[in-house]
Amino acid sequence: MGGEIVSTRGVAIALGALILAACASTTVSEPDRLRARAAYERALTHVGERQPSPALGALKEAVSIDPTVAVYRDLLGLVYLELGRPDLAIEELRLAVELDPKLADAHFHLGTAYAEAARWEEAVASYRRALALPTLTIHDFVHQNLGLALYHLKRYPEAESSLRFALSLDPKMQAAYYNLGLVLVAEKRPTEARAAFQQARQLAPDTPFGQAAGERLKALGEGGG
C-alpha cells in the first residue's frame, strides 16, 4: 500500500470484549448451544496464545452448530484477517453485523477487513457506523483507521481531523502520527509532516511504523538515524 500500514492493534484489543458478548441463540437446543459456546471459548484461548489455525477450526465448529451468534462470526472474521484472508473475513463480518447491527466492534473489524482489501469507501462507512454506536470500546483505533481510509480517498482535511482526534485520545499512538505525516505530505506541508514522522520514529524506532517514518524523513531531507 505504498508505505501505508493499516493498524490492526485495536482489533486485538477488542477481542476481550468478545468474551462477554456471546449470547444464546433462541433457535438452537440447549446442548448444542453449550457445545457451540465451548468451541468458541476454545477459540478464544487459541487466539490468546496466537494460534490462529486451531482457533479457525474451533470457530468453524461453533458457527456450524449455532450460526446465529454474532460474536462467533466476528471472531471468525478476525482470525481470517490474521491469516491474511480479508475476502473471507468480510463475508463473516458482514454476517456478524447483520446478526447484531449494534455490535460496534464488529463494524470496526469489518472496516479493517475492507481496508485490507483496499475497499476504502466501504471501510469509511463501516468505521463511521462503529463510531455512531454507544457500545464501541476503541474510539482511538477507529479514528486512526478512519483517517487512513480517508487519506486513500484523498479527503485530506477529513483525514487530518480524524487522525488528530485519535491522537487527542491517545497521544502515544504511533500509527496515527505516521499516517498524519502521510496526509501532511499530500497537502504539501513538509515542515508539519516532518514533525509528525519524527514523533512516530521517536515513540518506537524499531517497529514497522518507526522504520517507515525514518524512510519518510530521509525523503524529506532528514537522516533516518
Protein backbone atom coordinates (compact mmCIF):
# COMPACT_ATOMS: atom_id res chain seq x y z
CA MET A 1 0.00 0.00 0.00
CA GLY A 2 2.83 2.36 -0.86
CA GLY A 3 4.28 2.58 2.65
CA GLU A 4 0.95 2.93 4.40
CA ILE A 5 0.14 0.49 7.19
CA VAL A 6 -3.33 -0.41 8.39
CA SER A 7 -3.33 -0.57 12.19
CA THR A 8 -4.78 -3.83 13.48
CA ARG A 9 -3.68 -3.47 17.10
CA GLY A 10 -7.14 -2.26 18.02
CA VAL A 11 -8.54 -5.48 16.60
CA ALA A 12 -6.50 -7.47 19.10
CA ILE A 13 -7.59 -5.24 21.98
CA ALA A 14 -11.22 -5.69 21.01
CA LEU A 15 -11.00 -9.45 21.46
CA GLY A 16 -11.52 -9.01 25.19
CA ALA A 17 -14.97 -7.61 24.59
CA LEU A 18 -15.97 -10.76 22.74
CA ILE A 19 -15.58 -12.89 25.85
CA LEU A 20 -18.58 -11.21 27.47
CA ALA A 21 -20.65 -10.56 24.36
CA ALA A 22 -21.66 -14.06 23.25
CA CYS A 23 -25.37 -14.60 23.67
CA ALA A 24 -27.63 -17.60 23.45
CA SER A 25 -29.49 -18.46 20.28
CA THR A 26 -33.25 -18.90 20.53
CA THR A 27 -33.34 -21.45 17.69
CA VAL A 28 -30.68 -23.91 18.88
CA SER A 29 -31.15 -26.61 21.50
CA GLU A 30 -29.52 -26.05 24.86
CA PRO A 31 -26.98 -28.89 24.45
CA ASP A 32 -25.96 -27.57 21.03
CA ARG A 33 -25.79 -24.02 22.34
CA LEU A 34 -23.40 -25.19 25.06
CA ARG A 35 -21.30 -27.13 22.54
CA ALA A 36 -21.02 -24.06 20.33
CA ARG A 37 -20.09 -21.89 23.30
CA ALA A 38 -17.41 -24.39 24.36
CA ALA A 39 -15.91 -24.34 20.85
CA TYR A 40 -15.93 -20.54 20.90
CA GLU A 41 -14.17 -20.45 24.25
CA ARG A 42 -11.52 -22.85 22.92
CA ALA A 43 -11.05 -20.47 20.02
CA LEU A 44 -10.58 -17.54 22.41
CA THR A 45 -7.85 -19.49 24.19
CA HIS A 46 -6.10 -20.25 20.89
CA VAL A 47 -6.34 -16.60 19.84
CA GLY A 48 -4.88 -15.52 23.16
CA GLU A 49 -1.98 -17.92 22.55
CA ARG A 50 -1.53 -16.57 19.00
CA GLN A 51 -2.55 -19.85 17.38
CA PRO A 52 -4.88 -18.83 14.53
CA SER A 53 -5.08 -22.22 12.81
CA PRO A 54 -6.61 -24.17 15.73
CA ALA A 55 -8.74 -21.11 16.51
CA LEU A 56 -10.10 -21.29 12.97
CA GLY A 57 -11.11 -24.92 13.41
CA ALA A 58 -12.85 -24.24 16.71
CA LEU A 59 -14.75 -21.27 15.30
CA LYS A 60 -15.89 -23.19 12.24
CA GLU A 61 -17.25 -25.77 14.66
CA ALA A 62 -19.02 -23.08 16.70
CA VAL A 63 -20.75 -21.45 13.72
CA SER A 64 -21.73 -24.80 12.23
CA ILE A 65 -23.50 -25.71 15.47
CA ASP A 66 -25.01 -22.27 16.08
CA PRO A 67 -24.79 -19.91 13.08
CA THR A 68 -26.88 -17.18 14.71
CA VAL A 69 -24.46 -15.76 17.32
CA ALA A 70 -22.83 -12.58 16.04
CA VAL A 71 -19.67 -12.71 18.14
CA TYR A 72 -18.78 -16.16 16.80
CA ARG A 73 -18.84 -14.71 13.28
CA ASP A 74 -16.98 -11.63 14.47
CA LEU A 75 -14.10 -13.61 15.94
CA LEU A 76 -14.02 -15.88 12.89
CA GLY A 77 -13.62 -12.78 10.74
CA LEU A 78 -10.74 -11.58 12.91
CA VAL A 79 -8.99 -14.92 12.57
CA TYR A 80 -9.34 -14.79 8.80
CA LEU A 81 -7.76 -11.32 8.92
CA GLU A 82 -4.89 -12.73 10.96
CA LEU A 83 -4.45 -15.44 8.32
CA GLY A 84 -4.31 -12.86 5.52
CA ARG A 85 -7.74 -13.61 4.04
CA PRO A 86 -9.68 -10.33 4.09
CA ASP A 87 -12.09 -11.72 1.48
CA LEU A 88 -13.26 -14.45 3.86
CA ALA A 89 -13.13 -12.04 6.80
CA ILE A 90 -15.52 -9.68 5.02
CA GLU A 91 -18.03 -12.49 4.48
CA GLU A 92 -18.07 -13.43 8.16
CA LEU A 93 -18.03 -9.88 9.49
CA ARG A 94 -20.91 -8.84 7.25
CA LEU A 95 -22.90 -11.73 8.72
CA ALA A 96 -21.89 -10.61 12.22
CA VAL A 97 -23.24 -7.07 11.76
CA GLU A 98 -26.38 -8.41 10.11
CA LEU A 99 -26.98 -10.65 13.11
CA ASP A 100 -26.30 -7.83 15.57
CA PRO A 101 -26.27 -4.34 13.99
CA LYS A 102 -25.42 -2.82 17.39
CA LEU A 103 -22.16 -4.78 17.75
CA ALA A 104 -19.91 -1.75 17.29
CA ASP A 105 -16.59 -3.56 17.38
CA ALA A 106 -17.76 -5.84 14.56
CA HIS A 107 -18.38 -2.77 12.38
CA PHE A 108 -14.81 -1.67 13.17
CA HIS A 109 -13.46 -5.11 12.30
CA LEU A 110 -15.44 -5.07 9.05
CA GLY A 111 -13.96 -1.69 8.22
CA THR A 112 -10.49 -3.08 8.87
CA ALA A 113 -11.18 -6.01 6.55
CA TYR A 114 -12.39 -3.64 3.83
CA ALA A 115 -9.21 -1.59 4.32
CA GLU A 116 -7.04 -4.68 3.97
CA ALA A 117 -8.83 -5.29 0.67
CA ALA A 118 -8.30 -1.61 -0.34
CA ARG A 119 -12.08 -1.05 -0.42
CA TRP A 120 -11.74 2.37 1.14
CA GLU A 121 -15.25 3.79 0.70
CA GLU A 122 -16.74 0.73 2.39
CA ALA A 123 -14.11 0.94 5.12
CA VAL A 124 -15.09 4.55 5.85
CA ALA A 125 -18.77 3.62 6.02
CA SER A 126 -18.09 0.76 8.45
CA TYR A 127 -15.84 2.86 10.68
CA ARG A 128 -18.49 5.57 10.86
CA ARG A 129 -21.17 3.05 11.76
CA ALA A 130 -18.93 1.86 14.58
CA LEU A 131 -18.38 5.41 15.84
CA ALA A 132 -22.13 6.06 15.86
CA LEU A 133 -22.79 3.21 18.31
CA PRO A 134 -22.53 3.65 22.09
CA THR A 135 -21.08 0.16 22.55
CA LEU A 136 -17.79 0.98 20.79
CA THR A 137 -14.80 0.32 23.07
CA ILE A 138 -11.84 1.56 20.99
CA HIS A 139 -12.59 5.03 19.63
CA ASP A 140 -8.91 5.92 19.19
CA PHE A 141 -8.19 3.00 16.86
CA VAL A 142 -11.33 3.57 14.82
CA HIS A 143 -10.48 7.24 14.29
CA GLN A 144 -6.92 6.28 13.34
CA ASN A 145 -8.03 3.73 10.75
CA LEU A 146 -10.74 6.09 9.50
CA GLY A 147 -8.08 8.73 8.93
CA LEU A 148 -6.01 6.31 6.85
CA ALA A 149 -9.02 5.32 4.75
CA LEU A 150 -9.87 8.98 4.12
CA TYR A 151 -6.24 9.60 3.14
CA HIS A 152 -6.52 6.92 0.46
CA LEU A 153 -9.66 8.63 -0.82
CA LYS A 154 -7.71 11.93 -0.98
CA ARG A 155 -10.10 13.52 1.50
CA TYR A 156 -7.20 15.09 3.32
CA PRO A 157 -8.89 17.62 5.64
CA GLU A 158 -11.22 14.90 6.96
CA ALA A 159 -8.30 12.51 7.31
CA GLU A 160 -6.27 15.05 9.27
CA SER A 161 -9.19 15.78 11.58
CA SER A 162 -9.76 12.10 12.31
CA LEU A 163 -6.08 11.39 12.95
CA ARG A 164 -5.67 14.40 15.23
CA PHE A 165 -8.73 13.28 17.18
CA ALA A 166 -7.19 9.82 17.56
CA LEU A 167 -4.05 11.46 18.94
CA SER A 168 -6.10 13.53 21.37
CA LEU A 169 -7.41 10.23 22.75
CA ASP A 170 -4.00 8.53 22.75
CA PRO A 171 -1.01 10.89 22.37
CA LYS A 172 1.32 7.90 22.02
CA MET A 173 -0.43 6.27 19.05
CA GLN A 174 2.46 5.76 16.67
CA ALA A 175 0.30 4.76 13.69
CA ALA A 176 -1.69 7.98 13.90
CA TYR A 177 1.46 10.13 13.85
CA TYR A 178 2.79 8.22 10.86
CA ASN A 179 -0.44 8.43 8.89
CA LEU A 180 -0.82 12.10 9.82
CA GLY A 181 2.59 12.61 8.27
CA LEU A 182 1.34 11.00 5.05
CA VAL A 183 -1.64 13.35 4.98
CA LEU A 184 0.55 16.41 5.56
CA VAL A 185 2.94 15.37 2.78
CA ALA A 186 -0.04 15.02 0.44
CA GLU A 187 -1.16 18.51 1.46
CA LYS A 188 2.35 19.85 0.73
CA ARG A 189 3.04 20.80 4.35
CA PRO A 190 6.53 19.31 4.72
CA THR A 191 7.52 21.00 7.97
CA GLU A 192 4.45 19.66 9.78
CA ALA A 193 4.86 16.28 8.09
CA ARG A 194 8.45 16.08 9.32
CA ALA A 195 7.31 16.77 12.88
CA ALA A 196 4.69 14.00 12.67
CA PHE A 197 7.19 11.47 11.31
CA GLN A 198 9.69 12.47 14.00
CA GLN A 199 7.07 11.76 16.66
CA ALA A 200 6.34 8.36 15.11
CA ARG A 201 10.02 7.44 14.97
CA GLN A 202 10.71 8.69 18.49
CA LEU A 203 7.95 6.57 20.02
CA ALA A 204 9.42 3.27 18.80
CA PRO A 205 12.14 3.47 16.13
CA ASP A 206 12.43 -0.29 15.57
CA THR A 207 8.77 -1.02 14.81
CA PRO A 208 7.44 -1.08 11.22
CA PHE A 209 5.93 2.37 11.76
CA GLY A 210 9.16 3.71 13.26
CA GLN A 211 11.26 2.35 10.40
CA ALA A 212 8.81 3.65 7.79
CA ALA A 213 8.87 7.06 9.47
CA GLY A 214 12.67 7.06 9.23
CA GLU A 215 12.46 6.42 5.50
CA ARG A 216 9.92 9.21 5.09
CA LEU A 217 12.21 11.57 6.99
CA LYS A 218 15.07 10.71 4.65
CA ALA A 219 12.82 11.57 1.71
CA LEU A 220 12.07 14.90 3.38
CA GLY A 221 15.76 15.64 3.74
CA GLU A 222 16.50 14.42 7.26
CA GLY A 223 18.68 11.47 8.23
CA GLY A 224 16.67 8.49 9.48
CA GLY A 225 19.06 7.60 12.28
